[in-house]
């Protein structure tokens, strides 16, 4: 059996820079909170997305109640908020609930090779 990294990464203050900012892959970060109903609705979508895009995009979750400084740093005002990082920079922001198909369509612009 092959050893694989977890499809869904749990972020914290200690691993945010290494997992997100220094990643060679694009990283989709789900900013969420346990009390957020729409965040709970998105859990299966985020888990499916992580599995389907493994190797193309890292998918990670950050609990804003436990890591308020990062939420403030990235100006998170509504939940759920998904930020897509590429080469350490935010390149896209998605606020609210979205279907898996819509998310994949949105992410494909950032993960597909650019035409020359």
Protein backbone atom coordinates (compact mmCIF):
# COMPACT_ATOMS: atom_id res chain seq x y z
CA UNK A 1 0.00 0.00 0.00
CA UNK A 2 1.36 3.43 -0.93
CA UNK A 3 1.80 6.03 1.77
CA UNK A 4 -0.08 9.23 0.99
CA UNK A 5 -0.34 12.58 2.67
CA UNK A 6 -3.76 13.26 4.19
CA UNK A 7 -6.18 14.62 1.62
CA UNK A 8 -7.43 17.31 4.00
CA UNK A 9 -4.87 19.25 6.02
CA UNK A 10 -5.64 20.78 9.40
CA UNK A 11 -3.95 24.17 9.67
CA UNK A 12 -2.71 26.02 12.71
CA UNK A 13 -0.40 28.94 13.51
CA UNK A 14 2.64 26.66 13.41
CA UNK A 15 2.12 24.95 10.04
CA UNK A 16 0.35 27.68 8.04
CA UNK A 17 3.54 29.05 6.45
CA UNK A 18 4.96 25.64 5.50
CA UNK A 19 1.69 24.10 4.29
CA UNK A 20 0.25 27.16 2.53
CA UNK A 21 2.74 29.94 1.85
CA UNK A 22 5.66 27.67 0.87
CA UNK A 23 3.62 25.08 -1.04
CA UNK A 24 4.58 24.24 -4.61
CA UNK A 25 0.93 23.37 -5.27
CA UNK A 26 -2.01 25.77 -5.12
CA UNK A 27 -3.68 25.58 -1.69
CA UNK A 28 -7.39 26.07 -1.00
CA UNK A 29 -7.90 27.12 2.62
CA UNK A 30 -11.35 26.75 4.18
CA UNK A 31 -11.74 29.33 6.97
CA UNK A 32 -14.51 27.94 9.20
CA UNK A 33 -15.88 27.81 12.74
CA UNK A 34 -17.72 25.03 14.61
CA UNK A 35 -20.76 27.27 15.27
CA UNK A 36 -21.17 28.14 11.56
CA UNK A 37 -24.09 26.24 9.98
CA UNK A 38 -23.06 26.88 6.35
CA UNK A 39 -19.52 25.73 7.26
CA UNK A 40 -20.93 22.39 8.42
CA UNK A 41 -22.93 22.12 5.18
CA UNK A 42 -19.65 22.52 3.24
CA UNK A 43 -17.76 19.75 5.10
CA UNK A 44 -18.66 16.91 2.67
CA UNK A 45 -17.94 19.18 -0.31
CA UNK A 46 -14.52 20.16 1.04
CA UNK A 47 -13.65 16.53 1.87
CA UNK A 48 -14.69 15.37 -1.62
CA UNK A 49 -12.76 18.22 -3.24
CA UNK A 50 -9.63 17.29 -1.28
CA UNK A 51 -9.85 13.68 -2.46
CA UNK A 52 -10.67 14.51 -6.09
CA UNK A 53 -7.94 17.13 -6.49
CA UNK A 54 -5.20 15.37 -4.50
CA UNK A 55 -1.87 16.00 -6.20
CA UNK A 56 -3.19 19.07 -8.04
CA UNK A 57 -4.39 21.28 -5.18
CA UNK A 58 -3.85 21.02 -1.44
CA UNK A 59 -7.06 21.49 0.53
CA UNK A 60 -6.80 22.69 4.12
CA UNK A 61 -9.07 23.87 6.94
CA UNK A 62 -8.44 26.60 9.50
CA UNK A 63 -10.69 27.03 12.55
CA UNK A 64 -10.92 30.81 13.00
CA UNK A 65 -11.96 30.50 16.65
CA UNK A 66 -8.63 28.83 17.43
CA UNK A 67 -6.53 30.96 15.05
CA UNK A 68 -8.03 34.44 15.15
CA UNK A 69 -4.82 36.20 14.12
CA UNK A 70 -4.71 34.40 10.75
CA UNK A 71 -8.40 35.15 10.17
CA UNK A 72 -7.71 38.83 10.88
CA UNK A 73 -4.58 38.85 8.72
CA UNK A 74 -6.58 37.57 5.73
CA UNK A 75 -9.56 39.85 6.45
CA UNK A 76 -12.06 37.03 6.94
CA UNK A 77 -15.43 38.73 7.52
CA UNK A 78 -17.93 35.99 6.61
CA UNK A 79 -18.00 32.21 6.86
CA UNK A 80 -17.32 30.00 5.16
CA UNK A 81 -14.58 31.77 3.24
CA UNK A 82 -12.30 29.83 0.92
CA UNK A 83 -9.02 31.45 -0.11
CA UNK A 84 -6.94 30.00 -2.92
CA UNK A 85 -3.21 30.56 -2.50
CA UNK A 86 -0.72 30.17 -5.33
CA UNK A 87 2.99 30.71 -4.70
CA UNK A 88 2.14 32.14 -1.28
CA UNK A 89 -0.31 34.75 -2.58
CA UNK A 90 -4.12 34.86 -2.42
CA UNK A 91 -5.36 34.55 -6.00
CA UNK A 92 -9.06 33.87 -5.45
CA UNK A 93 -11.68 34.22 -2.71
CA UNK A 94 -14.96 32.35 -2.44
CA UNK A 95 -17.48 33.35 0.24
CA UNK A 96 -20.46 31.20 1.11
CA UNK A 97 -21.72 27.76 0.17
CA UNK A 98 -20.86 26.45 -3.30
CA UNK A 99 -21.40 23.09 -5.02
CA UNK A 100 -18.51 20.74 -5.72
CA UNK A 101 -18.96 21.22 -9.49
CA UNK A 102 -18.87 25.01 -9.17
CA UNK A 103 -15.79 24.86 -6.94
CA UNK A 104 -13.94 22.58 -9.37
CA UNK A 105 -14.84 24.89 -12.27
CA UNK A 106 -13.53 27.86 -10.31
CA UNK A 107 -10.30 26.09 -9.34
CA UNK A 108 -9.59 24.72 -12.82
CA UNK A 109 -8.54 28.19 -13.97
CA UNK A 110 -5.69 28.03 -11.45
CA UNK A 111 -4.64 24.39 -11.78
CA UNK A 112 -4.77 23.83 -15.53
CA UNK A 113 -1.59 24.57 -17.48
CA UNK A 114 -1.78 28.00 -19.04
CA UNK A 115 -1.81 28.12 -22.85
CA UNK A 116 1.35 29.56 -24.35
